[in-house]
N, C-alpha and C. Protein backbone atom coordinates (compact mmCIF):
# COMPACT_ATOMS: atom_id res chain seq x y z
N MET A 1 7.13 26.11 -20.31
CA MET A 1 6.74 24.70 -20.29
C MET A 1 5.48 24.53 -19.44
N ILE A 2 5.41 25.23 -18.34
CA ILE A 2 4.23 25.14 -17.48
C ILE A 2 3.01 25.67 -18.22
N ASN A 3 3.21 26.68 -19.06
CA ASN A 3 2.09 27.28 -19.78
C ASN A 3 1.49 26.30 -20.78
N ASP A 4 2.27 25.31 -21.23
CA ASP A 4 1.76 24.33 -22.18
C ASP A 4 0.68 23.46 -21.54
N PHE A 5 0.75 23.29 -20.23
CA PHE A 5 -0.23 22.46 -19.53
C PHE A 5 -1.54 23.20 -19.40
N SER A 6 -2.60 22.55 -19.81
CA SER A 6 -3.92 23.12 -19.55
C SER A 6 -4.47 22.47 -18.28
N ILE A 7 -5.57 23.01 -17.79
CA ILE A 7 -6.17 22.44 -16.57
C ILE A 7 -6.59 20.99 -16.82
N ASP A 8 -7.08 20.70 -18.02
CA ASP A 8 -7.53 19.33 -18.33
C ASP A 8 -6.37 18.34 -18.23
N ASP A 9 -5.21 18.73 -18.78
CA ASP A 9 -4.04 17.85 -18.70
C ASP A 9 -3.69 17.58 -17.24
N TYR A 10 -3.74 18.63 -16.44
CA TYR A 10 -3.40 18.50 -15.02
C TYR A 10 -4.36 17.53 -14.33
N VAL A 11 -5.66 17.65 -14.64
CA VAL A 11 -6.67 16.78 -14.03
C VAL A 11 -6.42 15.33 -14.44
N ILE A 12 -6.12 15.12 -15.72
CA ILE A 12 -5.87 13.76 -16.21
C ILE A 12 -4.66 13.16 -15.50
N ILE A 13 -3.59 13.94 -15.38
CA ILE A 13 -2.38 13.46 -14.70
C ILE A 13 -2.71 13.11 -13.25
N ASN A 14 -3.49 13.95 -12.60
CA ASN A 14 -3.88 13.69 -11.21
C ASN A 14 -4.68 12.40 -11.10
N LYS A 15 -5.60 12.18 -12.03
CA LYS A 15 -6.43 10.97 -11.99
C LYS A 15 -5.56 9.72 -12.19
N VAL A 16 -4.63 9.79 -13.13
CA VAL A 16 -3.75 8.65 -13.38
C VAL A 16 -2.91 8.37 -12.14
N PHE A 17 -2.37 9.43 -11.54
CA PHE A 17 -1.55 9.27 -10.35
C PHE A 17 -2.37 8.69 -9.21
N LEU A 18 -3.57 9.22 -9.02
CA LEU A 18 -4.43 8.74 -7.93
C LEU A 18 -4.79 7.27 -8.12
N SER A 19 -5.17 6.90 -9.34
CA SER A 19 -5.59 5.52 -9.57
C SER A 19 -4.42 4.56 -9.36
N SER A 20 -3.22 4.93 -9.82
CA SER A 20 -2.06 4.06 -9.62
C SER A 20 -1.71 3.99 -8.14
N PHE A 21 -1.86 5.11 -7.44
CA PHE A 21 -1.57 5.14 -6.00
C PHE A 21 -2.55 4.25 -5.25
N ILE A 22 -3.83 4.32 -5.61
CA ILE A 22 -4.85 3.49 -4.96
C ILE A 22 -4.60 2.02 -5.27
N ALA A 23 -4.23 1.71 -6.50
CA ALA A 23 -3.93 0.33 -6.87
C ALA A 23 -2.76 -0.19 -6.04
N PHE A 24 -1.73 0.64 -5.87
CA PHE A 24 -0.58 0.26 -5.06
C PHE A 24 -1.00 0.02 -3.61
N LEU A 25 -1.83 0.91 -3.09
CA LEU A 25 -2.28 0.77 -1.69
C LEU A 25 -3.07 -0.51 -1.48
N THR A 26 -4.00 -0.81 -2.40
CA THR A 26 -4.82 -2.01 -2.23
C THR A 26 -3.95 -3.27 -2.33
N THR A 27 -3.00 -3.27 -3.26
CA THR A 27 -2.10 -4.42 -3.39
C THR A 27 -1.31 -4.61 -2.10
N TYR A 28 -0.80 -3.48 -1.55
CA TYR A 28 -0.03 -3.53 -0.31
C TYR A 28 -0.89 -4.06 0.84
N LEU A 29 -2.13 -3.56 0.92
CA LEU A 29 -3.02 -3.99 2.00
C LEU A 29 -3.33 -5.48 1.90
N ILE A 30 -3.59 -5.95 0.68
CA ILE A 30 -3.89 -7.38 0.49
C ILE A 30 -2.69 -8.22 0.92
N ALA A 31 -1.50 -7.80 0.55
CA ALA A 31 -0.29 -8.54 0.92
C ALA A 31 -0.14 -8.58 2.44
N VAL A 32 -0.37 -7.44 3.09
CA VAL A 32 -0.25 -7.38 4.55
C VAL A 32 -1.27 -8.30 5.21
N VAL A 33 -2.51 -8.26 4.71
CA VAL A 33 -3.57 -9.10 5.30
C VAL A 33 -3.23 -10.58 5.14
N GLN A 34 -2.66 -10.94 3.99
CA GLN A 34 -2.31 -12.34 3.77
C GLN A 34 -1.15 -12.77 4.66
N LEU A 35 -0.28 -11.81 5.01
CA LEU A 35 0.88 -12.14 5.84
C LEU A 35 0.54 -12.16 7.33
N LEU A 36 -0.58 -11.54 7.70
CA LEU A 36 -0.91 -11.41 9.13
C LEU A 36 -0.92 -12.74 9.89
N PRO A 37 -1.55 -13.81 9.39
CA PRO A 37 -1.55 -15.07 10.14
C PRO A 37 -0.13 -15.59 10.39
N GLU A 38 0.73 -15.51 9.37
CA GLU A 38 2.10 -15.98 9.54
C GLU A 38 2.83 -15.13 10.57
N LEU A 39 2.63 -13.81 10.50
CA LEU A 39 3.25 -12.92 11.48
C LEU A 39 2.74 -13.24 12.88
N GLY A 40 1.46 -13.55 12.99
CA GLY A 40 0.89 -13.90 14.28
C GLY A 40 1.53 -15.16 14.84
N GLN A 41 1.74 -16.17 14.00
CA GLN A 41 2.37 -17.41 14.45
C GLN A 41 3.79 -17.14 14.91
N VAL A 42 4.52 -16.35 14.13
CA VAL A 42 5.90 -16.01 14.50
C VAL A 42 5.92 -15.28 15.84
N ALA A 43 4.99 -14.34 16.01
CA ALA A 43 4.92 -13.58 17.26
C ALA A 43 4.58 -14.51 18.42
N ASN A 44 3.66 -15.45 18.21
CA ASN A 44 3.29 -16.41 19.27
C ASN A 44 4.50 -17.22 19.71
N ILE A 45 5.22 -17.76 18.73
CA ILE A 45 6.40 -18.58 19.04
C ILE A 45 7.43 -17.73 19.79
N TYR A 46 7.62 -16.51 19.32
CA TYR A 46 8.61 -15.62 19.92
C TYR A 46 8.24 -15.31 21.37
N PHE A 47 6.98 -14.98 21.60
CA PHE A 47 6.54 -14.62 22.95
C PHE A 47 6.58 -15.84 23.88
N LYS A 48 6.25 -17.02 23.35
CA LYS A 48 6.32 -18.22 24.17
C LYS A 48 7.75 -18.47 24.61
N ASP A 49 8.70 -18.25 23.71
CA ASP A 49 10.11 -18.42 24.07
C ASP A 49 10.50 -17.42 25.14
N CYS A 50 10.02 -16.20 25.02
CA CYS A 50 10.37 -15.16 25.99
C CYS A 50 9.77 -15.47 27.36
N ILE A 51 8.53 -15.97 27.37
CA ILE A 51 7.85 -16.21 28.65
C ILE A 51 8.46 -17.42 29.36
N SER A 52 8.72 -18.48 28.63
CA SER A 52 9.21 -19.70 29.26
C SER A 52 10.71 -19.64 29.56
């Protein structure tokens, strides 16, 4: 079964995997960046409660 794969097939599979992985990473990063202000507000409230 491994012999059926040519180098070209392997390269194509790698490119597809890489592009999907990069797309996942960028989506994840965008979501995190959008959540940061809310997380900051929650952290502020939490720390104010701890300090006072």
